[in-house]
């Protein structure tokens, strides 16, 4: 849900653009995060809301940055990794460097996860093997106990 706090502005071509501004409550609700999380991202320099007294007023750019932060979190990036990628963004330029850095981080993350997956598969295999050995040993013990009675 968008709450426009700003005013309509006329551009050179006569089209009116709305200066989109959001309260901390708006962003928290729209992105299903806590206001504390938003303040934390602000403390880390990832969001830069304007201040109006005690109120924080977030811009459309802050909203985009929050989207990228949360996407990075979903992909398993650290906050520092997300911050690095966000800092590379240049809305007026060629973002090939940012995209290449993103691709590199994605590939690195995939390699780490695939290595972890192999380790987990090996662990599951070992657990299954030891479960079978233990069940067999228990069965043999049960047979031996019955024969001695």
Protein backbone atom coordinates (compact mmCIF):
# COMPACT_ATOMS: atom_id res chain seq x y z
CA UNK A 1 0.00 0.00 0.00
CA UNK A 2 1.38 3.39 -0.96
CA UNK A 3 0.84 6.44 1.17
CA UNK A 4 1.91 9.58 -0.56
CA UNK A 5 3.12 12.16 1.86
CA UNK A 6 4.72 14.42 -0.74
CA UNK A 7 3.18 16.92 -3.12
CA UNK A 8 2.47 16.72 -6.83
CA UNK A 9 5.18 18.36 -8.90
CA UNK A 10 4.99 19.54 -12.51
CA UNK A 11 7.77 18.54 -14.86
CA UNK A 12 9.02 20.36 -17.95
CA UNK A 13 6.74 18.30 -20.20
CA UNK A 14 3.66 19.24 -18.16
CA UNK A 15 3.23 15.79 -16.63
CA UNK A 16 2.56 15.85 -12.93
CA UNK A 17 4.71 13.48 -10.89
CA UNK A 18 4.01 12.66 -7.32
CA UNK A 19 6.88 12.91 -4.88
CA UNK A 20 6.34 9.55 -3.17
CA UNK A 21 7.10 9.49 0.53
CA UNK A 22 6.36 6.79 3.05
CA UNK A 23 6.17 6.66 6.82
CA UNK A 24 8.03 4.01 8.78
CA UNK A 25 4.70 2.33 9.51
CA UNK A 26 3.82 2.23 5.80
CA UNK A 27 7.07 0.50 4.85
CA UNK A 28 6.92 -1.90 7.78
CA UNK A 29 3.40 -2.93 6.81
CA UNK A 30 4.05 -3.09 3.05
CA UNK A 31 7.16 -5.26 3.45
CA UNK A 32 6.08 -7.25 6.53
CA UNK A 33 9.10 -6.14 8.55
CA UNK A 34 9.31 -4.49 11.93
CA UNK A 35 9.94 -0.81 12.42
CA UNK A 36 12.99 -1.91 14.41
CA UNK A 37 14.36 -3.64 11.28
CA UNK A 38 13.91 -0.41 9.32
CA UNK A 39 15.72 1.57 11.99
CA UNK A 40 18.50 -1.04 11.97
CA UNK A 41 18.91 -0.68 8.18
CA UNK A 42 19.01 3.08 8.70
CA UNK A 43 21.72 2.72 11.37
CA UNK A 44 23.74 0.61 8.90
CA UNK A 45 23.39 3.36 6.27
CA UNK A 46 21.26 1.29 3.91
CA UNK A 47 18.18 3.49 4.22
CA UNK A 48 18.34 7.26 4.42
CA UNK A 49 14.98 8.66 5.45
CA UNK A 50 14.45 12.35 5.88
CA UNK A 51 13.56 13.53 9.35
CA UNK A 52 10.58 15.69 10.13
CA UNK A 53 10.74 16.17 13.87
CA UNK A 54 10.68 12.65 15.33
CA UNK A 55 9.16 11.17 12.14
CA UNK A 56 11.08 9.36 9.44
CA UNK A 57 10.00 10.02 5.87
CA UNK A 58 11.18 7.39 3.39
CA UNK A 59 11.56 8.06 -0.34
CA UNK A 60 10.81 5.86 -3.33
CA UNK A 61 14.59 5.20 -3.50
CA UNK A 62 14.51 3.94 0.11
CA UNK A 63 11.68 1.65 -0.89
CA UNK A 64 13.75 0.24 -3.76
CA UNK A 65 16.75 -0.23 -1.45
CA UNK A 66 14.55 -2.06 1.06
CA UNK A 67 13.30 -4.33 -1.73
CA UNK A 68 16.93 -5.13 -2.63
CA UNK A 69 17.92 -5.69 1.01
CA UNK A 70 15.09 -8.16 1.51
CA UNK A 71 15.79 -9.89 -1.82
CA UNK A 72 19.44 -10.27 -0.80
CA UNK A 73 18.34 -11.70 2.53
CA UNK A 74 16.10 -14.22 0.73
CA UNK A 75 19.05 -15.23 -1.47
CA UNK A 76 21.20 -15.76 1.61
CA UNK A 77 23.45 -12.72 1.19
CA UNK A 78 24.84 -11.05 4.25
CA UNK A 79 23.77 -7.50 4.93
CA UNK A 80 27.28 -6.34 4.00
CA UNK A 81 27.06 -8.17 0.66
CA UNK A 82 23.68 -6.58 -0.06
CA UNK A 83 25.02 -3.15 0.97
CA UNK A 84 27.97 -3.56 -1.39
CA UNK A 85 25.68 -4.38 -4.32
CA UNK A 86 23.26 -1.56 -3.51
CA UNK A 87 26.13 0.94 -3.28
CA UNK A 88 27.20 0.01 -6.81
CA UNK A 89 23.83 0.98 -8.30
CA UNK A 90 23.85 4.08 -10.49
CA UNK A 91 20.40 5.01 -11.80
CA UNK A 92 21.89 7.28 -14.46
CA UNK A 93 24.56 4.93 -15.74
CA UNK A 94 25.48 1.52 -16.99
CA UNK A 95 25.14 -1.00 -14.19
CA UNK A 96 27.18 -3.75 -15.85
CA UNK A 97 29.62 -3.74 -12.92
CA UNK A 98 26.81 -4.16 -10.42
CA UNK A 99 25.26 -6.96 -12.46
CA UNK A 100 28.60 -8.75 -12.80
CA UNK A 101 29.19 -8.46 -9.04
CA UNK A 102 25.70 -9.86 -8.45
CA UNK A 103 26.35 -12.76 -10.81
CA UNK A 104 29.68 -13.47 -9.08
CA UNK A 105 28.02 -13.46 -5.65
CA UNK A 106 25.20 -15.71 -6.88
CA UNK A 107 27.67 -18.20 -8.36
CA UNK A 108 29.77 -18.15 -5.18
CA UNK A 109 26.64 -18.72 -3.08
CA UNK A 110 25.57 -21.61 -5.33
CA UNK A 111 28.98 -23.25 -4.96
CA UNK A 112 28.83 -22.97 -1.16
CA UNK A 113 25.29 -24.33 -1.02
CA UNK A 114 26.13 -27.22 -3.37
CA UNK A 115 29.13 -28.10 -1.17
CA UNK A 116 26.87 -28.01 1.90
CA UNK A 117 24.32 -30.13 0.06
CA UNK A 118 26.97 -32.77 -0.71
CA UNK A 119 28.02 -32.77 2.96
CA UNK A 120 24.40 -33.17 4.08
CA UNK A 121 23.82 -36.01 1.57
CA UNK A 122 26.93 -37.78 2.88
CA UNK A 123 25.79 -37.27 6.47
CA UNK A 124 22.32 -38.65 5.65
CA UNK A 125 23.90 -41.66 3.97
CA UNK A 126 26.12 -42.30 7.02
CA UNK A 127 23.14 -41.93 9.36
CA UNK A 128 21.10 -44.38 7.31
CA UNK A 129 23.99 -46.87 7.29
CA UNK A 130 24.45 -46.63 11.08
CA UNK A 131 20.71 -46.89 11.62
CA UNK A 132 20.67 -50.14 9.60
CA UNK A 133 23.70 -51.52 11.49
CA UNK A 134 22.12 -50.61 14.82
CA UNK A 135 18.78 -52.18 13.89
CA UNK A 136 20.55 -55.35 12.79
CA UNK A 137 22.56 -55.47 16.04
CA UNK A 138 19.40 -54.94 18.08
CA UNK A 139 17.60 -57.70 16.21
CA UNK A 140 20.52 -60.08 16.81
CA UNK A 141 20.55 -59.17 20.49
CA UNK A 142 16.81 -59.83 20.72
CA UNK A 143 17.23 -63.26 19.11
CA UNK A 144 20.06 -64.13 21.46
CA UNK A 145 18.05 -63.10 24.50
CA UNK A 146 15.06 -65.23 23.41
CA UNK A 147 17.24 -68.30 22.78
CA UNK A 148 18.83 -68.03 26.25
CA UNK A 149 15.47 -68.00 28.01
